Amino acid sequence: MVTFNHPIFLVLSVCLVPGFLLVSVLVRRIQKNAIAGFGRRQTLNRFSKFSGKTTTALTITLSLVVMALAAAEPSLKSNENGTSRTLNAILVMDVSRSMLAKDGPRGKSRLETGILAVEKLLEAYPDGRFGLVIYTNKVLVYPPTFDHQSLVFVLRDIWQNHSTRGEGSNPITALNETGLLIKELPYTVDTVFLISDGGKSLSPRATQPPLATAMKKLQGLGVHIVAVGVGGLVPVAIPVYADDGALVGYHRYEGAIVYTALDEIPLKRFADETSGWYLRLTDTDGLVAIARSENLDSQPVASGTSTNLVWLPVTISILLVVFWLRPRPA
């Protein structure tokens, strides 16, 4: 695909041609008026030599056109490698308070378990495009990128600084934003990893959000959700940490300690509604394992090659000047 780094010059090159035609029409009209005003043969003969001037004007105009094309910096880009395959995916990560509960594998928190699994997924597919959507009751979206280290930095900052915030979690809004993001992408992303504890809380006023129309949007985009459940089925308290990382107590709601457990039901529904898969994350290698076992790594690797084509219009311009300067018969 040919692209232009400075498309404004492309517009200029397009405008030069009709501009030349307009000037030519005006000049010819002036000529006719001048000939009609004189009527002498000497005058007619002199104006009949306009053909040489026409060639000069045309050569100059074409030279300007191709130089404008050169200024636009055309390049030939190859975006995909048809032989190599990788995984393009959006990582939707629940970072609400309940994800701090330490009932993951080997006593890790749910959040730490999910982040370590994501890191292994990124390492397994270094050529893949990965986007990140983090959510509590609010959503923050990072478009797909090859810069996996930036995504790891964002996740580790949340984990190590215990910066989970918000009141509850809203996966529906997060998935809706994910669908809007995927719809705007110029390449295929058909896998979403939703990493969450299901949002279940045993506080008295806890309610479970209904299944959203976001599922239908994702279905229409051909997206499959890999719903990844983290945490245990036995309710545990949610720890609260000070800024220095010290445990200062447990999260309370209306004076009572809030307990949380993995709720697999909504996660399985998300997966089923998009013909996806549910995975209970008991090992940090789980995301890589399901990606390979279900052949999710089926997208072409973006080659990112780019060939500069500036030389082509420059060469044409030089040839036009050489043509104009060629010796003419007397």
Protein backbone atom coordinates (compact mmCIF):
# COMPACT_ATOMS: atom_id res chain seq x y z
CA MET A 1 0.00 0.00 0.00
CA VAL A 2 1.35 3.42 -0.98
CA THR A 3 1.13 6.03 1.77
CA PHE A 4 2.20 9.68 1.98
CA ASN A 5 3.88 11.20 5.03
CA HIS A 6 2.84 14.74 3.99
CA PRO A 7 -0.48 14.40 2.13
CA ILE A 8 -0.92 18.18 1.84
CA PHE A 9 1.63 18.14 -0.99
CA LEU A 10 -0.38 15.39 -2.68
CA VAL A 11 -3.37 17.74 -2.71
CA LEU A 12 -1.14 20.47 -4.14
CA SER A 13 0.04 18.20 -6.97
CA VAL A 14 -3.55 17.37 -7.88
CA CYS A 15 -4.46 21.08 -7.97
CA LEU A 16 -1.57 21.96 -10.30
CA VAL A 17 -3.01 20.10 -13.31
CA PRO A 18 -6.42 21.85 -13.46
CA GLY A 19 -4.57 25.07 -12.70
CA PHE A 20 -2.43 24.57 -15.79
CA LEU A 21 -5.47 23.79 -17.92
CA LEU A 22 -7.23 26.91 -16.69
CA VAL A 23 -4.21 29.10 -17.50
CA SER A 24 -3.95 27.49 -20.95
CA VAL A 25 -7.59 28.27 -21.72
CA LEU A 26 -7.14 31.89 -20.61
CA VAL A 27 -3.97 32.30 -22.70
CA ARG A 28 -5.63 30.88 -25.80
CA ARG A 29 -8.58 33.21 -25.36
CA ILE A 30 -6.20 36.18 -25.07
CA GLN A 31 -4.45 35.00 -28.24
CA LYS A 32 -7.66 34.81 -30.23
CA ASN A 33 -8.64 38.31 -29.13
CA ALA A 34 -5.21 39.61 -30.09
CA ILE A 35 -5.31 37.95 -33.54
CA ALA A 36 -8.80 39.31 -34.19
CA GLY A 37 -7.56 42.78 -33.28
CA PHE A 38 -4.67 42.81 -35.77
CA GLY A 39 -5.39 40.54 -38.70
CA ARG A 40 -1.90 40.94 -40.27
CA ARG A 41 -0.13 37.79 -41.46
CA GLN A 42 3.03 38.68 -39.55
CA THR A 43 0.97 38.71 -36.36
CA LEU A 44 -0.68 35.41 -37.22
CA ASN A 45 2.69 33.79 -37.92
CA ARG A 46 4.13 35.00 -34.67
CA PHE A 47 1.26 33.61 -32.60
CA SER A 48 1.32 30.34 -34.51
CA LYS A 49 4.63 29.54 -32.81
CA PHE A 50 2.86 29.14 -29.46
CA SER A 51 3.33 25.37 -29.64
CA GLY A 52 6.84 25.72 -28.25
CA LYS A 53 5.57 27.79 -25.36
CA THR A 54 2.89 25.20 -24.71
CA THR A 55 5.51 22.46 -24.46
CA THR A 56 7.54 24.56 -22.03
CA ALA A 57 4.55 25.33 -19.85
CA LEU A 58 3.47 21.69 -19.84
CA THR A 59 6.97 20.52 -18.92
CA ILE A 60 7.23 23.02 -16.07
CA THR A 61 3.78 22.08 -14.78
CA LEU A 62 4.50 18.34 -14.84
CA SER A 63 7.85 18.97 -13.11
CA LEU A 64 6.07 20.89 -10.36
CA VAL A 65 3.52 18.10 -10.03
CA VAL A 66 6.12 15.35 -9.57
CA MET A 67 8.18 17.53 -7.22
CA ALA A 68 5.05 18.06 -5.12
CA LEU A 69 4.63 14.29 -5.08
CA ALA A 70 8.22 13.95 -3.91
CA ALA A 71 7.58 16.48 -1.13
CA ALA A 72 4.63 14.32 -0.02
CA GLU A 73 7.19 11.55 0.69
CA PRO A 74 5.46 8.51 -0.83
CA SER A 75 6.37 5.11 0.60
CA LEU A 76 5.34 1.56 -0.08
CA LYS A 77 4.35 -0.23 3.11
CA SER A 78 3.80 -3.93 3.61
CA ASN A 79 1.71 -4.41 6.72
CA GLU A 80 1.42 -8.17 6.94
CA ASN A 81 3.57 -11.22 6.51
CA GLY A 82 1.49 -13.94 4.90
CA THR A 83 3.59 -16.83 6.21
CA SER A 84 4.12 -16.05 9.93
CA ARG A 85 1.29 -15.99 12.45
CA THR A 86 0.83 -14.38 15.84
CA LEU A 87 -1.82 -13.34 18.34
CA ASN A 88 -3.57 -9.97 18.28
CA ALA A 89 -5.78 -9.44 21.33
CA ILE A 90 -7.32 -6.98 23.74
CA LEU A 91 -6.57 -7.59 27.44
CA VAL A 92 -9.48 -6.54 29.63
CA MET A 93 -8.29 -6.45 33.24
CA ASP A 94 -10.45 -6.04 36.34
CA VAL A 95 -8.49 -3.88 38.81
CA SER A 96 -11.24 -3.33 41.38
CA ARG A 97 -10.66 -3.73 45.13
CA SER A 98 -11.74 -7.37 45.19
CA MET A 99 -8.80 -8.26 42.92
CA LEU A 100 -6.49 -7.59 45.89
CA ALA A 101 -7.83 -10.66 47.69
CA LYS A 102 -5.00 -13.16 48.25
CA ASP A 103 -6.65 -16.41 47.19
CA GLY A 104 -4.75 -16.97 43.96
CA PRO A 105 -2.24 -19.77 43.29
CA ARG A 106 0.45 -20.01 46.01
CA GLY A 107 -1.15 -17.24 48.03
CA LYS A 108 -0.79 -14.55 45.37
CA SER A 109 -3.45 -11.91 44.96
CA ARG A 110 -5.92 -12.25 42.11
CA LEU A 111 -4.47 -9.15 40.47
CA GLU A 112 -0.88 -10.41 40.71
CA THR A 113 -1.89 -13.77 39.26
CA GLY A 114 -3.62 -12.15 36.30
CA ILE A 115 -0.76 -9.76 35.60
CA LEU A 116 1.89 -12.50 35.71
CA ALA A 117 -0.20 -14.53 33.25
CA VAL A 118 -0.48 -11.50 30.95
CA GLU A 119 3.29 -10.99 31.06
CA LYS A 120 3.87 -14.58 29.93
CA LEU A 121 1.34 -14.11 27.12
CA LEU A 122 3.15 -11.00 25.89
CA GLU A 123 6.49 -12.84 26.04
CA ALA A 124 5.06 -15.73 24.02
CA TYR A 125 3.84 -13.44 21.23
CA PRO A 126 6.41 -10.62 20.82
CA ASP A 127 5.09 -9.84 17.32
CA GLY A 128 1.47 -9.50 18.42
CA ARG A 129 -0.55 -6.33 18.80
CA PHE A 130 -2.05 -6.07 22.28
CA GLY A 131 -4.45 -3.49 23.63
CA LEU A 132 -5.29 -2.98 27.28
CA VAL A 133 -8.59 -2.07 28.93
CA ILE A 134 -8.48 -1.68 32.70
CA TYR A 135 -11.65 -1.14 34.66
CA THR A 136 -13.33 -0.73 37.99
CA ASN A 137 -16.62 1.14 37.80
CA LYS A 138 -14.70 3.33 35.33
CA VAL A 139 -12.79 2.31 32.22
CA LEU A 140 -9.38 3.27 30.83
CA VAL A 141 -8.46 2.18 27.28
CA TYR A 142 -4.98 1.72 25.75
CA PRO A 143 -5.04 1.00 21.96
CA PRO A 144 -3.15 -2.03 20.60
CA THR A 145 0.59 -1.64 20.44
CA PHE A 146 3.79 -3.58 19.82
CA ASP A 147 5.29 -1.85 22.87
CA HIS A 148 4.52 -4.61 25.34
CA GLN A 149 6.80 -3.10 27.99
CA SER A 150 4.52 -0.09 28.28
CA LEU A 151 1.54 -2.35 28.99
CA VAL A 152 3.54 -4.27 31.59
CA PHE A 153 4.57 -0.98 33.20
CA VAL A 154 0.94 0.15 33.52
CA LEU A 155 -0.16 -3.15 35.06
CA ARG A 156 2.80 -3.46 37.44
CA ASP A 157 2.28 0.11 38.63
CA ILE A 158 -1.29 -0.77 39.62
CA TRP A 159 -0.20 -3.99 41.27
CA GLN A 160 2.90 -2.81 43.16
CA ASN A 161 1.37 0.48 44.32
CA HIS A 162 -1.93 -1.14 45.35
CA SER A 163 -3.63 1.57 43.31
CA THR A 164 -6.88 -0.27 42.65
CA ARG A 165 -9.71 2.18 43.07
CA GLY A 166 -13.37 2.62 42.27
CA GLU A 167 -16.58 1.38 43.77
CA GLY A 168 -17.16 -2.10 42.41
CA SER A 169 -16.53 -3.13 38.82
CA ASN A 170 -18.44 -2.87 35.57
CA PRO A 171 -17.28 -5.40 32.95
CA ILE A 172 -20.23 -4.49 30.71
CA THR A 173 -18.92 -0.97 30.12
CA ALA A 174 -15.38 -2.31 29.66
CA LEU A 175 -16.51 -4.80 27.01
CA ASN A 176 -18.56 -2.14 25.25
CA GLU A 177 -15.48 0.11 25.04
CA THR A 178 -13.49 -2.88 23.83
CA GLY A 179 -15.97 -3.41 20.99
CA LEU A 180 -15.77 0.25 19.98
CA LEU A 181 -11.97 0.03 19.94
CA ILE A 182 -11.88 -3.13 17.82
CA LYS A 183 -14.38 -1.70 15.35
CA GLU A 184 -12.04 1.21 14.55
CA LEU A 185 -8.91 -0.92 14.01
CA PRO A 186 -7.61 -1.33 10.41
CA TYR A 187 -6.47 -4.89 11.14
CA THR A 188 -8.09 -7.97 12.64
CA VAL A 189 -8.41 -8.48 16.38
CA ASP A 190 -10.78 -11.32 17.16
CA THR A 191 -9.74 -12.32 20.70
CA VAL A 192 -10.48 -10.64 24.02
CA PHE A 193 -9.02 -11.90 27.30
CA LEU A 194 -11.30 -10.82 30.16
CA ILE A 195 -9.46 -11.36 33.46
CA SER A 196 -11.67 -10.93 36.48
CA ASP A 197 -13.05 -12.52 39.63
CA GLY A 198 -16.55 -12.09 38.26
CA GLY A 199 -17.29 -9.02 40.36
CA LYS A 200 -19.15 -10.99 43.03
CA SER A 201 -19.26 -9.42 46.48
CA LEU A 202 -21.09 -10.78 49.49
CA SER A 203 -21.92 -7.37 50.92
CA PRO A 204 -25.68 -7.06 51.58
CA ARG A 205 -26.45 -4.63 48.72
CA ALA A 206 -24.34 -6.27 46.06
CA THR A 207 -26.08 -6.70 42.73
CA GLN A 208 -24.95 -8.49 39.61
CA PRO A 209 -25.16 -6.45 36.35
CA PRO A 210 -27.32 -7.91 33.58
CA LEU A 211 -25.89 -9.34 30.38
CA ALA A 212 -25.25 -6.35 28.11
CA THR A 213 -25.92 -5.71 24.48
CA ALA A 214 -22.15 -5.33 24.21
CA MET A 215 -22.10 -9.08 23.62
CA LYS A 216 -24.07 -8.67 20.41
CA LYS A 217 -21.65 -6.01 19.21
CA LEU A 218 -18.71 -8.29 19.85
CA GLN A 219 -20.49 -11.13 18.07
CA GLY A 220 -20.99 -8.93 15.03
CA LEU A 221 -17.25 -8.19 14.99
CA GLY A 222 -16.41 -11.91 15.11
CA VAL A 223 -14.78 -11.55 18.52
CA HIS A 224 -14.37 -14.47 20.93
CA ILE A 225 -14.00 -13.81 24.65
CA VAL A 226 -11.61 -15.89 26.70
CA ALA A 227 -13.10 -15.29 30.15
CA VAL A 228 -10.42 -15.90 32.75
CA GLY A 229 -11.55 -16.42 36.33
CA VAL A 230 -9.08 -15.65 39.13
CA GLY A 231 -9.55 -16.34 42.83
CA GLY A 232 -11.07 -19.00 45.00
CA LEU A 233 -14.61 -20.17 45.54
CA VAL A 234 -14.39 -19.72 49.31
CA PRO A 235 -15.17 -16.12 50.38
CA VAL A 236 -12.21 -14.11 51.68
CA ALA A 237 -11.80 -10.56 52.97
CA ILE A 238 -10.37 -7.76 50.82
CA PRO A 239 -7.13 -6.38 52.26
CA VAL A 240 -6.48 -2.63 52.54
CA TYR A 241 -2.92 -1.34 52.22
CA ALA A 242 -1.20 1.88 53.20
CA ASP A 243 0.80 3.88 50.66
CA ASP A 244 3.98 2.06 51.75
CA GLY A 245 2.36 -1.34 51.08
CA ALA A 246 1.73 -2.24 54.72
CA LEU A 247 -1.51 -4.09 55.50
CA VAL A 248 -3.74 -1.81 57.58
CA GLY A 249 -6.95 -3.81 57.69
CA TYR A 250 -9.76 -5.10 55.50
CA HIS A 251 -12.27 -3.33 53.31
CA ARG A 252 -15.54 -2.52 55.03
CA TYR A 253 -18.96 -1.51 53.77
CA GLU A 254 -21.39 0.12 56.24
CA GLY A 255 -19.18 -1.04 59.09
CA ALA A 256 -19.01 -4.69 58.02
CA ILE A 257 -16.04 -6.45 56.44
CA VAL A 258 -16.67 -7.20 52.78
CA TYR A 259 -16.03 -10.75 51.60
CA THR A 260 -15.53 -11.77 48.02
CA ALA A 261 -15.34 -15.00 46.05
CA LEU A 262 -14.85 -15.98 42.43
CA ASP A 263 -18.15 -15.88 40.56
CA GLU A 264 -17.79 -18.03 37.45
CA ILE A 265 -21.38 -17.69 36.23
CA PRO A 266 -21.16 -14.24 34.52
CA LEU A 267 -17.70 -15.06 33.14
CA LYS A 268 -18.94 -18.27 31.56
CA ARG A 269 -21.90 -16.38 30.08
CA PHE A 270 -19.56 -13.85 28.47
CA ALA A 271 -17.60 -16.70 26.92
CA ASP A 272 -20.68 -18.63 25.78
CA GLU A 273 -22.34 -15.58 24.20
CA THR A 274 -19.30 -15.04 21.94
CA SER A 275 -18.52 -18.72 21.26
CA GLY A 276 -15.44 -18.28 23.39
CA TRP A 277 -13.86 -20.17 26.26
CA TYR A 278 -13.81 -20.04 30.04
CA LEU A 279 -10.56 -20.63 31.90
CA ARG A 280 -10.07 -20.76 35.64
CA LEU A 281 -6.57 -19.43 36.11
CA THR A 282 -4.73 -21.84 38.39
CA ASP A 283 -1.37 -21.35 36.70
CA THR A 284 0.24 -18.26 35.19
CA ASP A 285 0.93 -20.22 31.99
CA GLY A 286 -2.80 -20.61 31.44
CA LEU A 287 -3.28 -17.79 28.92
CA VAL A 288 -0.48 -19.05 26.67
CA ALA A 289 -1.78 -22.61 26.91
CA ILE A 290 -5.34 -21.75 25.84
CA ALA A 291 -4.13 -19.45 23.06
CA ARG A 292 -2.15 -22.31 21.57
CA SER A 293 -4.64 -25.09 22.20
CA GLU A 294 -7.51 -23.13 20.61
CA ASN A 295 -5.37 -21.77 17.73
CA LEU A 296 -6.00 -18.17 18.70
CA ASP A 297 -2.60 -17.20 17.30
CA SER A 298 -3.82 -17.10 13.69
CA GLN A 299 -3.26 -13.47 12.69
CA PRO A 300 -0.59 -12.44 10.14
CA VAL A 301 2.53 -10.94 11.64
CA ALA A 302 2.85 -7.25 10.80
CA SER A 303 6.10 -6.95 8.91
CA GLY A 304 6.34 -3.19 9.22
CA THR A 305 8.52 -2.90 6.11
CA SER A 306 8.51 0.44 4.32
CA THR A 307 10.17 1.35 1.00
CA ASN A 308 10.74 5.04 0.35
CA LEU A 309 9.51 6.06 -3.13
CA VAL A 310 10.72 9.67 -3.16
CA TRP A 311 13.34 8.73 -5.75
CA LEU A 312 10.65 7.96 -8.33
CA PRO A 313 9.05 11.44 -8.72
CA VAL A 314 12.49 13.06 -8.43
CA THR A 315 13.77 10.92 -11.30
CA ILE A 316 10.72 11.78 -13.42
CA SER A 317 11.26 15.48 -12.73
CA ILE A 318 14.90 15.26 -13.84
CA LEU A 319 13.91 13.44 -17.04
CA LEU A 320 11.34 16.14 -17.81
CA VAL A 321 13.96 18.87 -17.39
CA VAL A 322 16.39 16.95 -19.63
CA PHE A 323 13.61 16.60 -22.22
CA TRP A 324 12.93 20.33 -22.09
CA LEU A 325 16.63 21.20 -22.43
CA ARG A 326 17.23 18.85 -25.37
CA PRO A 327 18.55 20.47 -28.60
CA ARG A 328 15.75 21.40 -30.99
CA PRO A 329 16.06 21.47 -34.78
CA ALA A 330 16.31 24.98 -36.22
